Amino acid sequence: MPITVLVHLSGEDPVVGEVEALPAATDTTITLNNPRRRDGKDLTYVQGNVVTVVWPMHRINFIEIMPTSEEEKLIGFVRE
């Protein structure tokens, strides 16, 4: 099951995409499927027909893991 992530690249806008598995501490690259901007538009520096990109980990500041639709449906306890 693909995991949707928000990848923050050094000196670039964040990129949304899917990964098959989260990168391990020993990985030197990350493979991102269906790369796009946060608003869903194509990346300006990648060809329009590209479906997979590989970035070296030294270009990445951090990675955010986006919640799945099932996780968004969960209702937690709220203190008022």
C-alpha atoms as a PDB file:
ATOM      1  CA  MET A   1       0.000   0.000   0.000  1.00  0.00           C
ATOM      2  CA  PRO A   2       1.571   3.315  -1.043  1.00  0.00           C
ATOM      3  CA  ILE A   3       2.287   5.901   1.626  1.00  0.00           C
ATOM      4  CA  THR A   4       1.643   9.553   0.753  1.00  0.00           C
ATOM      5  CA  VAL A   5       4.487  11.814   1.877  1.00  0.00           C
ATOM      6  CA  LEU A   6       5.405  15.488   1.685  1.00  0.00           C
ATOM      7  CA  VAL A   7       9.115  15.792   0.896  1.00  0.00           C
ATOM      8  CA  HIS A   8      10.884  19.051   1.772  1.00  0.00           C
ATOM      9  CA  LEU A   9      13.814  19.526  -0.616  1.00  0.00           C
ATOM     10  CA  SER A  10      16.675  21.942   0.051  1.00  0.00           C
ATOM     11  CA  GLY A  11      15.972  25.236  -1.712  1.00  0.00           C
ATOM     12  CA  GLU A  12      12.740  24.006  -3.376  1.00  0.00           C
ATOM     13  CA  ASP A  13       9.034  23.952  -2.634  1.00  0.00           C
ATOM     14  CA  PRO A  14       7.748  20.775  -0.936  1.00  0.00           C
ATOM     15  CA  VAL A  15       6.794  17.863  -3.188  1.00  0.00           C
ATOM     16  CA  VAL A  16       3.894  15.453  -2.588  1.00  0.00           C
ATOM     17  CA  GLY A  17       4.117  11.855  -3.772  1.00  0.00           C
ATOM     18  CA  GLU A  18       3.767   8.227  -2.848  1.00  0.00           C
ATOM     19  CA  VAL A  19       6.425   5.791  -1.642  1.00  0.00           C
ATOM     20  CA  GLU A  20       6.149   2.021  -1.298  1.00  0.00           C
ATOM     21  CA  ALA A  21       8.020   2.048   2.029  1.00  0.00           C
ATOM     22  CA  LEU A  22       9.511   4.724   4.237  1.00  0.00           C
ATOM     23  CA  PRO A  23      13.260   5.167   3.750  1.00  0.00           C
ATOM     24  CA  ALA A  24      15.556   3.493   6.254  1.00  0.00           C
ATOM     25  CA  ALA A  25      18.351   5.340   8.030  1.00  0.00           C
ATOM     26  CA  THR A  26      20.870   3.642   5.735  1.00  0.00           C
ATOM     27  CA  ASP A  27      19.150   4.610   2.453  1.00  0.00           C
ATOM     28  CA  THR A  28      20.955   7.085   0.203  1.00  0.00           C
ATOM     29  CA  THR A  29      18.016   7.812  -2.137  1.00  0.00           C
ATOM     30  CA  ILE A  30      14.241   8.073  -2.017  1.00  0.00           C
ATOM     31  CA  THR A  31      12.002   6.952  -4.879  1.00  0.00           C
ATOM     32  CA  LEU A  32       8.852   9.052  -5.184  1.00  0.00           C
ATOM     33  CA  ASN A  33       5.932   8.039  -7.408  1.00  0.00           C
ATOM     34  CA  ASN A  34       3.501  10.565  -8.923  1.00  0.00           C
ATOM     35  CA  PRO A  35       5.469  13.676  -7.840  1.00  0.00           C
ATOM     36  CA  ARG A  36       3.460  16.914  -7.728  1.00  0.00           C
ATOM     37  CA  ARG A  37       3.235  20.213  -5.910  1.00  0.00           C
ATOM     38  CA  ARG A  38       1.013  20.579  -2.857  1.00  0.00           C
ATOM     39  CA  ASP A  39      -1.751  22.070  -5.003  1.00  0.00           C
ATOM     40  CA  GLY A  40      -1.642  19.050  -7.338  1.00  0.00           C
ATOM     41  CA  LYS A  41       0.066  20.813 -10.253  1.00  0.00           C
ATOM     42  CA  ASP A  42       3.053  19.373 -12.131  1.00  0.00           C
ATOM     43  CA  LEU A  43       6.577  20.210 -11.017  1.00  0.00           C
ATOM     44  CA  THR A  44       8.143  22.822 -13.302  1.00  0.00           C
ATOM     45  CA  TYR A  45      11.572  21.156 -13.299  1.00  0.00           C
ATOM     46  CA  VAL A  46      10.294  17.656 -14.198  1.00  0.00           C
ATOM     47  CA  GLN A  47       8.839  16.583 -17.554  1.00  0.00           C
ATOM     48  CA  GLY A  48       5.045  16.254 -17.583  1.00  0.00           C
ATOM     49  CA  ASN A  49       5.042  12.526 -18.386  1.00  0.00           C
ATOM     50  CA  VAL A  50       7.399  11.523 -15.531  1.00  0.00           C
ATOM     51  CA  VAL A  51       5.758   9.196 -13.000  1.00  0.00           C
ATOM     52  CA  THR A  52       8.743   8.320 -10.764  1.00  0.00           C
ATOM     53  CA  VAL A  53      11.694  10.374  -9.520  1.00  0.00           C
ATOM     54  CA  VAL A  54      14.699   9.413  -7.394  1.00  0.00           C
ATOM     55  CA  TRP A  55      16.262  12.039  -5.132  1.00  0.00           C
ATOM     56  CA  PRO A  56      19.448  11.672  -3.073  1.00  0.00           C
ATOM     57  CA  MET A  57      18.795  11.915   0.654  1.00  0.00           C
ATOM     58  CA  HIS A  58      21.338  14.737   1.088  1.00  0.00           C
ATOM     59  CA  ARG A  59      18.918  17.027  -0.841  1.00  0.00           C
ATOM     60  CA  ILE A  60      16.067  16.347   1.610  1.00  0.00           C
ATOM     61  CA  ASN A  61      15.545  18.377   4.782  1.00  0.00           C
ATOM     62  CA  PHE A  62      12.719  16.244   6.174  1.00  0.00           C
ATOM     63  CA  ILE A  63       9.741  14.088   5.172  1.00  0.00           C
ATOM     64  CA  GLU A  64       6.163  14.459   6.432  1.00  0.00           C
ATOM     65  CA  ILE A  65       3.908  11.392   6.413  1.00  0.00           C
ATOM     66  CA  MET A  66       0.391  12.345   5.366  1.00  0.00           C
ATOM     67  CA  PRO A  67      -2.596  10.676   7.073  1.00  0.00           C
ATOM     68  CA  THR A  68      -4.604   8.116   5.124  1.00  0.00           C
ATOM     69  CA  SER A  69      -8.324   8.569   4.545  1.00  0.00           C
ATOM     70  CA  GLU A  70      -8.984   5.921   7.210  1.00  0.00           C
ATOM     71  CA  GLU A  71      -6.917   7.844   9.770  1.00  0.00           C
ATOM     72  CA  GLU A  72      -8.742  11.080   8.944  1.00  0.00           C
ATOM     73  CA  LYS A  73     -12.086   9.411   9.765  1.00  0.00           C
ATOM     74  CA  LEU A  74     -10.976   8.598  13.321  1.00  0.00           C
ATOM     75  CA  ILE A  75     -12.435  10.859  15.962  1.00  0.00           C
ATOM     76  CA  GLY A  76     -10.221  11.487  18.942  1.00  0.00           C
ATOM     77  CA  PHE A  77     -11.056  12.743  22.384  1.00  0.00           C
ATOM     78  CA  VAL A  78     -11.033  16.509  22.760  1.00  0.00           C
ATOM     79  CA  ARG A  79     -10.817  18.322  26.076  1.00  0.00           C
ATOM     80  CA  GLU A  80     -12.727  21.542  26.309  1.00  0.00           C
END
